[in-house]
Protein backbone atom coordinates (compact mmCIF):
# COMPACT_ATOMS: atom_id res chain seq x y z
CA UNK A 1 205.85 48.10 60.58
CA UNK A 2 204.29 48.04 64.01
CA UNK A 3 205.05 51.08 66.10
CA UNK A 4 206.54 50.34 69.54
CA UNK A 5 203.75 52.27 71.26
CA UNK A 6 201.20 49.85 69.73
CA UNK A 7 202.77 46.69 71.17
CA UNK A 8 201.13 47.03 74.62
CA UNK A 9 197.69 47.33 73.02
CA UNK A 10 198.20 44.22 70.92
CA UNK A 11 199.54 42.20 73.85
CA UNK A 12 196.80 43.35 76.20
CA UNK A 13 194.16 42.47 73.61
CA UNK A 14 195.54 38.93 73.52
CA UNK A 15 195.61 38.71 77.33
CA UNK A 16 192.12 40.15 77.86
CA UNK A 17 190.67 38.02 75.06
CA UNK A 18 192.35 34.97 76.64
CA UNK A 19 190.90 35.69 80.09
CA UNK A 20 187.35 35.81 78.75
CA UNK A 21 187.97 33.01 76.26
CA UNK A 22 189.31 30.71 78.97
CA UNK A 23 186.11 31.10 80.99
CA UNK A 24 184.05 30.27 77.88
CA UNK A 25 186.32 27.33 77.01
CA UNK A 26 186.03 25.86 80.51
CA UNK A 27 182.22 26.03 80.20
CA UNK A 28 182.36 24.19 76.87
CA UNK A 29 180.96 27.09 74.84
CA UNK A 30 181.48 27.21 71.07
CA UNK A 31 183.39 30.51 71.12
CA UNK A 32 186.22 29.62 73.46
CA UNK A 33 189.82 30.58 74.05
CA UNK A 34 191.12 30.89 70.50
CA UNK A 35 188.01 32.57 69.14
CA UNK A 36 187.92 35.25 71.84
CA UNK A 37 191.65 35.92 71.54
CA UNK A 38 191.37 36.32 67.77
CA UNK A 39 188.31 38.59 67.97
CA UNK A 40 189.96 40.81 70.58
CA UNK A 41 193.28 40.89 68.72
CA UNK A 42 191.60 41.55 65.37
CA UNK A 43 189.60 44.43 66.78
CA UNK A 44 192.74 45.94 68.30
CA UNK A 45 194.64 45.61 65.03
CA UNK A 46 191.80 47.15 63.01
CA UNK A 47 191.65 50.03 65.47
CA UNK A 48 195.40 50.59 65.25
CA UNK A 49 195.28 50.47 61.44
CA UNK A 50 192.38 52.88 61.45
CA UNK A 51 194.28 55.35 63.63
CA UNK A 52 197.34 55.12 61.38
CA UNK A 53 195.31 55.54 58.18
CA UNK A 54 193.43 58.61 59.40
CA UNK A 55 194.80 61.84 58.08
CA UNK A 56 196.18 64.22 60.72
CA UNK A 57 193.17 65.60 62.51
CA UNK A 58 190.94 63.15 60.63
CA UNK A 59 188.45 60.67 62.00
CA UNK A 60 189.07 56.96 62.29
CA UNK A 61 185.51 56.15 63.31
CA UNK A 62 184.46 54.48 60.07
CA UNK A 63 186.51 51.37 60.68
CA UNK A 64 185.33 51.30 64.30
CA UNK A 65 181.73 51.37 63.12
CA UNK A 66 182.44 48.51 60.72
CA UNK A 67 184.00 46.45 63.51
CA UNK A 68 180.84 46.86 65.59
CA UNK A 69 178.62 45.89 62.66
CA UNK A 70 180.78 43.02 61.45
CA UNK A 71 181.24 41.47 64.86
CA UNK A 72 177.52 41.87 65.51
CA UNK A 73 176.93 39.78 62.38
CA UNK A 74 179.46 37.21 63.60
CA UNK A 75 177.67 37.03 66.95
CA UNK A 76 174.32 36.61 65.24
CA UNK A 77 175.67 33.43 63.71
CA UNK A 78 176.19 32.04 67.21
CA UNK A 79 172.49 32.34 68.08
CA UNK A 80 170.44 29.19 67.56
CA UNK A 81 166.69 28.94 67.82
CA UNK A 82 164.97 25.62 68.35
CA UNK A 83 161.77 24.32 69.88
CA UNK A 84 163.25 24.53 73.38
CA UNK A 85 164.10 28.21 73.07
CA UNK A 86 166.98 30.37 71.98
CA UNK A 87 170.60 29.43 72.66
CA UNK A 88 173.84 31.33 72.17
CA UNK A 89 172.79 34.81 73.26
CA UNK A 90 175.51 34.99 75.92
CA UNK A 91 178.07 33.75 73.40
CA UNK A 92 176.97 36.41 70.92
CA UNK A 93 177.10 39.13 73.58
CA UNK A 94 180.53 37.94 74.70
CA UNK A 95 181.83 38.07 71.12
CA UNK A 96 180.58 41.65 70.80
CA UNK A 97 182.07 42.67 74.15
CA UNK A 98 185.45 41.08 73.38
CA UNK A 99 185.58 43.10 70.16
CA UNK A 100 184.98 46.29 72.12
CA UNK A 101 187.75 45.37 74.55
CA UNK A 102 190.08 44.85 71.60
CA UNK A 103 189.08 48.24 70.21
CA UNK A 104 189.81 49.83 73.59
CA UNK A 105 193.28 48.22 73.59
CA UNK A 106 193.94 49.46 70.06
CA UNK A 107 192.88 52.96 71.08
CA UNK A 108 195.19 52.90 74.16
CA UNK A 109 192.23 52.89 76.54
CA UNK A 110 193.85 50.23 78.70
CA UNK A 111 191.99 51.02 81.92
CA UNK A 112 188.66 50.74 80.14
CA UNK A 113 189.71 47.41 78.60
CA UNK A 114 190.91 46.07 81.96
CA UNK A 115 187.80 47.12 83.89
CA UNK A 116 185.54 45.75 81.14
CA UNK A 117 187.36 42.41 81.25
CA UNK A 118 186.98 42.18 85.02
CA UNK A 119 183.29 43.04 84.85
CA UNK A 120 182.77 40.48 82.07
CA UNK A 121 184.36 37.73 84.15
CA UNK A 122 182.26 38.68 87.18
CA UNK A 123 179.11 38.58 85.04
CA UNK A 124 180.00 35.32 83.27
CA UNK A 125 181.07 33.46 86.41
CA UNK A 126 179.10 35.15 89.19
CA UNK A 127 175.80 35.49 87.43
CA UNK A 128 176.05 31.96 86.03
CA UNK A 129 175.71 30.71 89.61
CA UNK A 130 172.67 32.91 90.21
CA UNK A 131 171.13 31.82 86.91
CA UNK A 132 171.69 28.15 87.78
CA UNK A 133 169.95 28.73 91.11
CA UNK A 134 166.98 30.24 89.26
CA UNK A 135 166.73 27.46 86.64
CA UNK A 136 164.38 25.15 88.60
CA UNK A 137 161.78 27.91 88.97
CA UNK A 138 162.22 28.86 85.32
CA UNK A 139 161.67 25.25 84.18
CA UNK A 140 158.62 24.97 86.45
CA UNK A 141 157.14 28.18 85.00
CA UNK A 142 157.81 26.94 81.46
CA UNK A 143 156.06 23.60 82.06
CA UNK A 144 153.06 25.32 83.68
CA UNK A 145 152.63 27.64 80.68
CA UNK A 146 152.93 24.68 78.28
CA UNK A 147 150.22 22.81 80.20
CA UNK A 148 147.90 25.81 79.96
CA UNK A 149 148.07 25.84 76.15
């Protein structure tokens, strides 16, 4: 049975995961809306379960450590290497961050989860514009180094 004090954490995990997932979905990334919601929600639920399973005064850090490791493995699967370079690093990092936001929601650290979500959106949207601006010089540098070899 879910405790009433856990409902806000679960709902916020869904909302925060959706905010980040929507940005990824709109950019056509493989880990979009549903994936980010589920990762954030799952992390929150595991954190809540971990807190409930811990003996009074006990530690619930073992499950938290496994979330970090497991989601890191999930993110690693999103990274693709080909002749043109490496793709999916931002997707992998976003997956890992969304899990931490879910953990914060499950641990009732709502301010941390909120601020992290805002910062993530600023980074994903704001820095994408800066990165796009830098792409022509990056491509030029890449072609010059290929010509030298």
